[in-house]
Amino acid sequence: MPNERCGKNGKSIHTLKTTKKSRISRLIRLFIERNRRQIRDHKVLFVIYLVIRLMVIAVMITELLSQSYYNVFFCILTLVLLMIPSFVEKRIKIDVPDVLEIIILLFIFAAQILGELQEYYLTFRYWDTMLHVVNGFLCAAIGLALIDILNNSPRFSISLSPVYVALTAFAFSMTVGVIWEFFEFGMDQIFHTDMQKDTIIQSISSVVLNPEGRNVAVTLHIDNIVVNGETWNYGGYIDIGLIDTMTDLLVNFIGAVVFSVIGYFYIKSKGRGRLVKQFILTKMNDVAHAKK
């Protein structure tokens, strides 16, 4: 019989290959078992996640066939963003409640696919406003949960008051909102997009219009505009995104305030409130301990 070639540890190549195959098959079985368990425990979340991903893939294929590669990029970005809650749970070991995860998935789909690609921002007047309210609410919930995790962690010798936690959650939400507006401004300036949607206004108040050069605003009512020798018939002047930006920050403020107030009472009652718990991130160890 021919001699079998041996590996580094004296084992035959055939034995090493067999061991490797069995290890891979064991990992596959473990992966399938874990997913079965997750599907069984989170049926509604799984169905919504699957449906949204299939819809995004369908849109991506349609855009690819029409050679709209910019929209294809948006679809790929959406698929990546949809993986964030799962990444947080598996890698960072922080449990994302099903209700919160479903809202996050729907929010991403509504903003990226419906808002940008299906042009809901133009079709529905308050679509963008609604999303910014939800964003302020969600970011305040995430900010409050992160501070609460640190507050209850034995690794940190801190004990923050409910007022401080609520204010921090509010500040976190507003900071995210401001950074997003910076991003929109940067995209408009660098890539000449129109993420900061313009508004038609019929009058302007500015000190520049004061004929005496004084620091007193003069109001100018706009009947028509002539640009490069052509008359614009848009019914007024374009404000170049200022009103859109300030409206976004205002409604983000409202969402942040609402959850910060709710969060204050949640922290003060030491975690009581079944509804609020659906929006609060928790450490995996705390979740396992609570189920025992």
Protein backbone atom coordinates (compact mmCIF):
# COMPACT_ATOMS: atom_id res chain seq x y z
CA MET A 1 0.00 0.00 0.00
CA PRO A 2 1.26 3.53 -0.77
CA ASN A 3 2.37 5.57 2.23
CA GLU A 4 0.03 8.42 3.23
CA ARG A 5 1.57 11.87 3.40
CA CYS A 6 1.76 13.27 6.91
CA GLY A 7 1.11 16.77 8.22
CA LYS A 8 3.07 18.71 10.81
CA ASN A 9 1.73 16.68 13.76
CA GLY A 10 2.27 13.33 12.10
CA LYS A 11 -1.38 13.02 11.06
CA SER A 12 -2.23 11.98 7.53
CA ILE A 13 -3.49 14.58 5.06
CA HIS A 14 -6.70 12.58 4.72
CA THR A 15 -7.28 12.68 8.49
CA LEU A 16 -6.65 16.44 8.59
CA LYS A 17 -9.11 17.05 5.75
CA THR A 18 -11.72 14.87 7.45
CA THR A 19 -11.26 16.75 10.74
CA LYS A 20 -11.56 20.09 8.94
CA LYS A 21 -14.75 19.00 7.16
CA SER A 22 -16.33 17.78 10.38
CA ARG A 23 -15.43 21.05 12.09
CA ILE A 24 -17.02 23.07 9.29
CA SER A 25 -20.15 20.92 9.29
CA ARG A 26 -20.40 21.33 13.06
CA LEU A 27 -20.16 25.11 12.71
CA ILE A 28 -22.85 25.07 10.01
CA ARG A 29 -25.17 23.00 12.21
CA LEU A 30 -24.52 25.37 15.12
CA PHE A 31 -25.27 28.39 12.90
CA ILE A 32 -28.55 26.83 11.68
CA GLU A 33 -29.57 25.93 15.23
CA ARG A 34 -28.91 29.47 16.47
CA ASN A 35 -30.94 30.99 13.65
CA ARG A 36 -33.80 28.57 14.27
CA ARG A 37 -33.82 29.62 17.91
CA GLN A 38 -33.80 33.31 16.98
CA ILE A 39 -36.61 32.84 14.45
CA ARG A 40 -38.66 30.93 17.01
CA ASP A 41 -38.14 33.57 19.71
CA HIS A 42 -38.51 36.62 17.43
CA LYS A 43 -40.98 35.62 14.70
CA VAL A 44 -42.44 39.08 13.97
CA LEU A 45 -39.00 40.69 13.86
CA PHE A 46 -37.67 37.99 11.52
CA VAL A 47 -40.59 38.35 9.10
CA ILE A 48 -40.29 42.14 8.95
CA TYR A 49 -36.49 41.95 8.56
CA LEU A 50 -36.80 39.36 5.77
CA VAL A 51 -39.53 41.28 3.90
CA ILE A 52 -37.60 44.57 4.07
CA ARG A 53 -34.38 42.96 2.83
CA LEU A 54 -36.19 41.27 -0.06
CA MET A 55 -37.83 44.58 -1.02
CA VAL A 56 -34.47 46.38 -0.95
CA ILE A 57 -32.87 43.64 -3.08
CA ALA A 58 -35.76 43.85 -5.56
CA VAL A 59 -35.32 47.63 -5.85
CA MET A 60 -31.56 47.18 -6.23
CA ILE A 61 -32.01 44.72 -9.10
CA THR A 62 -34.44 47.11 -10.80
CA GLU A 63 -32.02 50.03 -10.45
CA LEU A 64 -29.14 47.87 -11.67
CA LEU A 65 -31.06 46.89 -14.80
CA SER A 66 -31.81 50.55 -15.48
CA GLN A 67 -28.09 51.35 -14.89
CA SER A 68 -28.85 53.75 -12.04
CA TYR A 69 -25.63 52.97 -10.18
CA TYR A 70 -26.04 55.82 -7.69
CA ASN A 71 -29.34 54.27 -6.58
CA VAL A 72 -27.69 50.84 -6.47
CA PHE A 73 -25.18 52.30 -4.02
CA PHE A 74 -28.08 53.56 -1.87
CA CYS A 75 -29.57 50.06 -1.84
CA ILE A 76 -26.25 48.48 -0.80
CA LEU A 77 -25.88 51.13 1.92
CA THR A 78 -29.41 50.31 3.12
CA LEU A 79 -28.61 46.59 3.34
CA VAL A 80 -25.53 47.42 5.42
CA LEU A 81 -27.50 49.73 7.73
CA LEU A 82 -30.13 47.03 8.25
CA MET A 83 -27.41 44.81 9.75
CA ILE A 84 -26.46 47.31 12.47
CA PRO A 85 -28.92 46.06 15.17
CA SER A 86 -27.73 42.47 14.68
CA PHE A 87 -24.10 43.62 14.77
CA VAL A 88 -24.71 45.45 18.06
CA GLU A 89 -26.27 42.35 19.61
CA LYS A 90 -23.69 39.81 18.40
CA ARG A 91 -20.47 41.83 18.64
CA ILE A 92 -21.07 44.39 21.38
CA LYS A 93 -23.35 42.07 23.40
CA ILE A 94 -26.10 44.66 23.86
CA ASP A 95 -29.68 43.48 23.51
CA VAL A 96 -31.89 45.53 21.19
CA PRO A 97 -35.59 45.04 22.09
CA ASP A 98 -37.74 43.76 19.21
CA VAL A 99 -39.98 46.83 19.14
CA LEU A 100 -37.00 49.18 18.95
CA GLU A 101 -35.30 47.06 16.28
CA ILE A 102 -38.45 46.93 14.15
CA ILE A 103 -38.82 50.72 14.34
CA ILE A 104 -35.14 51.15 13.39
CA LEU A 105 -35.52 48.82 10.39
CA LEU A 106 -38.67 50.59 9.22
CA PHE A 107 -37.00 53.97 9.76
CA ILE A 108 -34.01 53.01 7.59
CA PHE A 109 -36.28 51.67 4.85
CA ALA A 110 -38.54 54.74 4.98
CA ALA A 111 -35.60 57.16 4.81
CA GLN A 112 -33.37 55.44 2.24
CA ILE A 113 -35.67 53.54 -0.11
CA LEU A 114 -39.02 55.33 0.18
CA GLY A 115 -37.66 58.80 0.89
CA GLU A 116 -34.69 58.98 -1.49
CA LEU A 117 -35.32 56.43 -4.25
CA GLN A 118 -39.13 56.50 -4.37
CA GLU A 119 -39.07 60.29 -3.82
CA TYR A 120 -41.46 60.31 -0.87
CA TYR A 121 -39.67 63.45 0.33
CA LEU A 122 -41.22 65.24 -2.64
CA THR A 123 -44.51 63.32 -2.88
CA PHE A 124 -45.50 63.65 0.77
CA ARG A 125 -44.92 67.09 2.25
CA TYR A 126 -44.27 66.00 5.84
CA TRP A 127 -42.39 62.76 5.18
CA ASP A 128 -39.02 64.28 6.10
CA THR A 129 -40.51 66.00 9.15
CA MET A 130 -42.02 62.74 10.40
CA LEU A 131 -38.69 60.92 10.05
CA HIS A 132 -36.81 63.63 11.95
CA VAL A 133 -39.30 63.42 14.83
CA VAL A 134 -38.75 59.65 14.98
CA ASN A 135 -34.99 60.17 14.74
CA GLY A 136 -35.03 62.54 17.72
CA PHE A 137 -37.12 60.05 19.70
CA LEU A 138 -34.95 57.02 18.84
CA CYS A 139 -31.62 58.77 19.42
CA ALA A 140 -32.79 59.99 22.82
CA ALA A 141 -33.82 56.41 23.67
CA ILE A 142 -30.43 55.05 22.57
CA GLY A 143 -28.54 57.80 24.41
CA LEU A 144 -30.49 57.24 27.61
CA ALA A 145 -29.97 53.47 27.41
CA LEU A 146 -26.21 53.80 26.92
CA ILE A 147 -25.89 56.10 29.92
CA ASP A 148 -28.12 53.79 31.96
CA ILE A 149 -25.89 50.81 31.10
CA LEU A 150 -22.83 52.71 32.33
CA ASN A 151 -24.77 53.91 35.37
CA ASN A 152 -25.58 50.34 36.40
CA SER A 153 -22.27 48.77 35.43
CA PRO A 154 -20.01 47.59 38.30
CA ARG A 155 -16.99 48.62 36.21
CA PHE A 156 -17.78 52.31 36.65
CA SER A 157 -18.09 53.96 40.04
CA ILE A 158 -20.71 56.49 38.95
CA SER A 159 -24.28 57.05 39.95
CA LEU A 160 -25.94 59.71 37.83
CA SER A 161 -29.24 61.30 38.78
CA PRO A 162 -32.34 60.79 36.58
CA VAL A 163 -32.23 64.47 35.58
CA TYR A 164 -28.63 64.21 34.41
CA VAL A 165 -29.34 61.00 32.46
CA ALA A 166 -32.35 62.61 30.76
CA LEU A 167 -30.36 65.74 29.86
CA THR A 168 -27.55 63.61 28.47
CA ALA A 169 -30.01 61.63 26.37
CA PHE A 170 -31.46 64.88 25.04
CA ALA A 171 -27.99 66.24 24.23
CA PHE A 172 -27.03 62.99 22.50
CA SER A 173 -30.13 63.13 20.31
CA MET A 174 -29.61 66.78 19.35
CA THR A 175 -25.93 66.15 18.61
CA VAL A 176 -26.84 63.35 16.20
CA GLY A 177 -29.39 65.66 14.56
CA VAL A 178 -26.84 68.47 14.13
CA ILE A 179 -24.19 66.10 12.74
CA TRP A 180 -26.73 64.83 10.21
CA GLU A 181 -27.44 68.39 9.08
CA PHE A 182 -23.67 68.93 8.70
CA PHE A 183 -23.61 65.82 6.51
CA GLU A 184 -26.47 67.11 4.34
CA PHE A 185 -24.77 70.48 3.97
CA GLY A 186 -21.49 68.80 3.02
CA MET A 187 -23.17 66.60 0.41
CA ASP A 188 -24.92 69.62 -1.14
CA GLN A 189 -21.74 71.68 -1.24
CA ILE A 190 -19.32 68.99 -2.43
CA PHE A 191 -21.44 66.70 -4.61
CA HIS A 192 -24.14 69.26 -5.59
CA THR A 193 -27.02 67.17 -4.27
CA ASP A 194 -30.17 68.66 -2.75
CA MET A 195 -30.43 66.90 0.61
CA GLN A 196 -31.30 70.21 2.27
CA LYS A 197 -34.56 70.67 0.43
CA ASP A 198 -35.35 74.23 -0.69
CA THR A 199 -38.47 76.21 0.18
CA ILE A 200 -40.21 78.83 -1.95
CA ILE A 201 -40.70 82.06 0.01
CA GLN A 202 -42.56 85.22 -1.03
CA SER A 203 -40.58 87.78 0.98
CA ILE A 204 -37.09 88.45 2.34
CA SER A 205 -36.07 90.46 5.40
CA SER A 206 -32.42 91.54 5.43
CA VAL A 207 -30.19 94.45 6.51
CA VAL A 208 -28.49 94.14 3.11
CA LEU A 209 -31.63 95.67 1.59
CA ASN A 210 -31.46 98.74 3.86
CA PRO A 211 -30.72 101.70 1.54
CA GLU A 212 -29.07 103.63 4.39
CA GLY A 213 -26.74 100.76 5.33
CA ARG A 214 -28.12 100.60 8.87
CA ASN A 215 -28.53 97.46 10.98
CA VAL A 216 -32.27 97.48 10.44
CA ALA A 217 -33.86 94.73 8.37
CA VAL A 218 -35.93 95.75 5.37
CA THR A 219 -38.64 93.43 4.07
CA LEU A 220 -38.85 92.90 0.33
CA HIS A 221 -41.92 91.22 -1.16
CA ILE A 222 -41.09 89.11 -4.20
CA ASP A 223 -43.38 89.17 -7.21
CA ASN A 224 -41.02 87.69 -9.81
CA ILE A 225 -37.36 86.78 -10.25
CA VAL A 226 -35.18 87.16 -13.32
CA VAL A 227 -32.12 84.87 -13.47
CA ASN A 228 -29.69 85.09 -16.39
CA GLY A 229 -32.27 87.01 -18.35
CA GLU A 230 -35.03 84.44 -17.77
CA THR A 231 -38.07 84.92 -15.56
CA TRP A 232 -38.56 82.25 -12.89
CA ASN A 233 -42.18 81.25 -12.39
CA TYR A 234 -41.81 79.40 -9.09
CA GLY A 235 -44.04 81.75 -7.12
CA GLY A 236 -41.23 83.28 -5.07
CA TYR A 237 -37.59 83.01 -4.04
CA ILE A 238 -35.64 79.85 -3.14
CA ASP A 239 -34.32 79.92 0.44
CA ILE A 240 -31.55 77.32 -0.32
CA GLY A 241 -32.32 74.87 2.48
CA LEU A 242 -32.33 77.13 5.55
CA ILE A 243 -35.98 76.56 6.45
CA ASP A 244 -35.63 72.81 5.86
CA THR A 245 -32.60 72.59 8.17
CA MET A 246 -34.18 74.58 10.98
CA THR A 247 -37.45 72.62 10.68
CA ASP A 248 -35.53 69.35 10.89
CA LEU A 249 -33.70 70.46 14.02
CA LEU A 250 -36.92 71.75 15.60
CA VAL A 251 -38.84 68.49 15.14
CA ASN A 252 -35.74 66.52 16.23
CA PHE A 253 -35.85 68.69 19.37
CA ILE A 254 -39.49 67.73 19.93
CA GLY A 255 -38.78 64.00 19.60
CA ALA A 256 -35.75 64.28 21.89
CA VAL A 257 -37.68 66.18 24.57
CA VAL A 258 -40.57 63.69 24.52
CA PHE A 259 -38.40 60.65 25.16
CA SER A 260 -36.08 62.45 27.56
CA VAL A 261 -39.07 63.26 29.77
CA ILE A 262 -40.29 59.67 29.50
CA GLY A 263 -36.78 58.45 30.24
CA TYR A 264 -36.52 60.64 33.31
CA PHE A 265 -39.51 58.93 34.92
CA TYR A 266 -38.22 55.53 33.78
CA ILE A 267 -34.86 56.06 35.51
CA LYS A 268 -36.50 57.60 38.57
CA SER A 269 -38.78 54.56 38.94
CA LYS A 270 -35.69 52.30 38.65
CA GLY A 271 -36.64 50.63 35.40
CA ARG A 272 -40.37 50.21 35.87
CA GLY A 273 -42.65 50.62 32.90
CA ARG A 274 -43.28 47.84 30.42
CA LEU A 275 -43.76 50.17 27.45
CA VAL A 276 -40.54 52.13 27.96
CA LYS A 277 -38.52 48.91 28.26
CA GLN A 278 -39.35 48.20 24.61
CA PHE A 279 -37.07 51.11 23.66
CA ILE A 280 -34.21 50.57 26.14
CA LEU A 281 -30.98 48.79 25.21
CA THR A 282 -29.63 46.42 27.86
CA LYS A 283 -26.52 44.31 28.33
CA MET A 284 -26.89 40.66 27.34
CA ASN A 285 -25.95 39.50 30.86
CA ASP A 286 -28.72 41.64 32.36
CA VAL A 287 -31.26 40.17 29.94
CA ALA A 288 -30.23 36.60 30.74
CA HIS A 289 -30.40 37.36 34.48
CA ALA A 290 -33.87 38.91 34.13
CA LYS A 291 -35.21 35.80 32.36
CA LYS A 292 -34.05 33.45 35.12
